[in-house]
C-alpha atoms as a PDB file:
ATOM      1  CA  MET A   1       0.000   0.000   0.000  1.00  0.00           C
ATOM      2  CA  PHE A   2       2.844   2.398   0.811  1.00  0.00           C
ATOM      3  CA  ALA A   3       4.393   1.717  -2.600  1.00  0.00           C
ATOM      4  CA  ASP A   4       1.096   2.599  -4.321  1.00  0.00           C
ATOM      5  CA  ASN A   5       0.893   5.885  -2.418  1.00  0.00           C
ATOM      6  CA  LEU A   6       4.485   6.686  -3.294  1.00  0.00           C
ATOM      7  CA  LYS A   7       3.834   5.984  -6.971  1.00  0.00           C
ATOM      8  CA  SER A   8       0.753   8.234  -6.873  1.00  0.00           C
ATOM      9  CA  LEU A   9       2.806  11.045  -5.359  1.00  0.00           C
ATOM     10  CA  GLU A  10       5.434  10.656  -8.082  1.00  0.00           C
ATOM     11  CA  CYS A  11       2.732  10.953 -10.764  1.00  0.00           C
ATOM     12  CA  VAL A  12       1.312  14.080  -9.128  1.00  0.00           C
ATOM     13  CA  ASP A  13       4.800  15.586  -8.980  1.00  0.00           C
ATOM     14  CA  LYS A  14       5.366  14.791 -12.646  1.00  0.00           C
ATOM     15  CA  LEU A  15       2.035  16.346 -13.658  1.00  0.00           C
ATOM     16  CA  SER A  16       2.888  19.583 -11.891  1.00  0.00           C
ATOM     17  CA  THR A  17       6.122  19.920 -13.880  1.00  0.00           C
ATOM     18  CA  PRO A  18       6.400  23.243 -15.709  1.00  0.00           C
ATOM     19  CA  LEU A  19       6.822  22.651 -19.440  1.00  0.00           C
ATOM     20  CA  GLU A  20      10.086  24.608 -19.568  1.00  0.00           C
ATOM     21  CA  TYR A  21      11.673  21.843 -17.456  1.00  0.00           C
ATOM     22  CA  LEU A  22      11.029  19.403 -20.307  1.00  0.00           C
ATOM     23  CA  GLU A  23      13.433  21.245 -22.613  1.00  0.00           C
ATOM     24  CA  ILE A  24      10.695  22.393 -24.975  1.00  0.00           C
ATOM     25  CA  GLN A  25      11.754  25.142 -27.375  1.00  0.00           C
ATOM     26  CA  PRO A  26      10.921  28.660 -26.126  1.00  0.00           C
ATOM     27  CA  ARG A  27       8.925  29.414 -29.289  1.00  0.00           C
ATOM     28  CA  ILE A  28       6.646  26.440 -28.641  1.00  0.00           C
ATOM     29  CA  LEU A  29       6.320  27.366 -24.955  1.00  0.00           C
ATOM     30  CA  ARG A  30       5.241  30.921 -25.828  1.00  0.00           C
ATOM     31  CA  ASN A  31       2.590  29.642 -28.187  1.00  0.00           C
ATOM     32  CA  LEU A  32       1.264  27.108 -25.674  1.00  0.00           C
ATOM     33  CA  ARG A  33       1.088  29.788 -22.981  1.00  0.00           C
ATOM     34  CA  ARG A  34      -1.299  31.770 -25.188  1.00  0.00           C
ATOM     35  CA  TYR A  35      -3.747  28.937 -24.511  1.00  0.00           C
ATOM     36  CA  ASN A  36      -2.971  28.724 -20.753  1.00  0.00           C
ATOM     37  CA  ILE A  37      -0.850  25.593 -21.146  1.00  0.00           C
ATOM     38  CA  TYR A  38       1.932  25.999 -18.593  1.00  0.00           C
ATOM     39  CA  LEU A  39       2.260  22.629 -16.878  1.00  0.00           C
ATOM     40  CA  LEU A  40       2.558  19.072 -18.106  1.00  0.00           C
ATOM     41  CA  GLU A  41      -0.902  18.476 -16.668  1.00  0.00           C
ATOM     42  CA  ASP A  42      -2.327  21.318 -18.791  1.00  0.00           C
ATOM     43  CA  LEU A  43      -0.775  19.860 -21.929  1.00  0.00           C
ATOM     44  CA  LEU A  44      -1.971  16.320 -21.232  1.00  0.00           C
ATOM     45  CA  ARG A  45      -5.499  17.543 -20.452  1.00  0.00           C
ATOM     46  CA  PHE A  46      -5.561  19.463 -23.736  1.00  0.00           C
ATOM     47  CA  ILE A  47      -4.359  16.390 -25.638  1.00  0.00           C
ATOM     48  CA  LYS A  48      -6.878  14.119 -23.901  1.00  0.00           C
ATOM     49  CA  LYS A  49      -9.784  16.473 -24.574  1.00  0.00           C
ATOM     50  CA  ASN A  50      -8.917  17.555 -28.127  1.00  0.00           C
ATOM     51  CA  GLY A  51      -6.483  14.955 -29.449  1.00  0.00           C
ATOM     52  CA  PHE A  52      -2.797  15.421 -30.183  1.00  0.00           C
ATOM     53  CA  ASP A  53      -3.472  16.668 -33.703  1.00  0.00           C
ATOM     54  CA  ALA A  54      -5.439  19.625 -32.294  1.00  0.00           C
ATOM     55  CA  LEU A  55      -2.146  21.090 -31.050  1.00  0.00           C
ATOM     56  CA  GLY A  56      -1.154  21.687 -34.648  1.00  0.00           C
ATOM     57  CA  LYS A  57      -4.283  23.764 -35.204  1.00  0.00           C
ATOM     58  CA  LEU A  58      -3.369  26.253 -32.468  1.00  0.00           C
ATOM     59  CA  HIS A  59      -2.081  29.578 -33.744  1.00  0.00           C
ATOM     60  CA  GLY A  60       1.715  29.417 -33.863  1.00  0.00           C
ATOM     61  CA  VAL A  61       1.934  25.669 -33.262  1.00  0.00           C
ATOM     62  CA  GLY A  62       2.411  23.761 -36.478  1.00  0.00           C
ATOM     63  CA  LYS A  63       3.260  20.272 -37.626  1.00  0.00           C
ATOM     64  CA  ARG A  64       6.958  20.576 -36.762  1.00  0.00           C
ATOM     65  CA  SER A  65       6.173  21.829 -33.261  1.00  0.00           C
ATOM     66  CA  CYS A  66       3.795  18.909 -32.736  1.00  0.00           C
ATOM     67  CA  GLU A  67       6.447  16.466 -33.885  1.00  0.00           C
ATOM     68  CA  ASP A  68       8.990  18.048 -31.524  1.00  0.00           C
ATOM     69  CA  LEU A  69       6.547  17.874 -28.608  1.00  0.00           C
ATOM     70  CA  TYR A  70       5.705  14.264 -29.363  1.00  0.00           C
ATOM     71  CA  LEU A  71       9.370  13.261 -29.443  1.00  0.00           C
ATOM     72  CA  ILE A  72      10.090  15.072 -26.179  1.00  0.00           C
ATOM     73  CA  LEU A  73       7.122  13.498 -24.399  1.00  0.00           C
ATOM     74  CA  LYS A  74       8.007  10.071 -25.741  1.00  0.00           C
ATOM     75  CA  ASP A  75      11.684  10.489 -24.812  1.00  0.00           C
ATOM     76  CA  LYS A  76      10.686  11.422 -21.231  1.00  0.00           C
ATOM     77  CA  ASP A  77       8.407   8.328 -21.047  1.00  0.00           C
ATOM     78  CA  ILE A  78       5.338  10.530 -20.677  1.00  0.00           C
ATOM     79  CA  LEU A  79       3.699   9.188 -23.844  1.00  0.00           C
ATOM     80  CA  THR A  80       3.966   5.679 -25.170  1.00  0.00           C
ATOM     81  CA  SER A  81       3.973   4.786 -28.868  1.00  0.00           C
END
């Protein structure tokens, strides 16, 4: 039971990570902030609600930015496949 609680706390800590700590390009960060996406949790909620492809439809966030974000999130083991 203690291990489950510890794992839950680690997930909460990870969700509250500011996006700039994930080494996302400043240009992408600025554009995400226009839509109040500051934390990893904000980004994952947006993706869950709208789909990953919807990021590319945001003003200033294009296909290349989406690809960069996907690779970063996959590299950090936040997204799988």
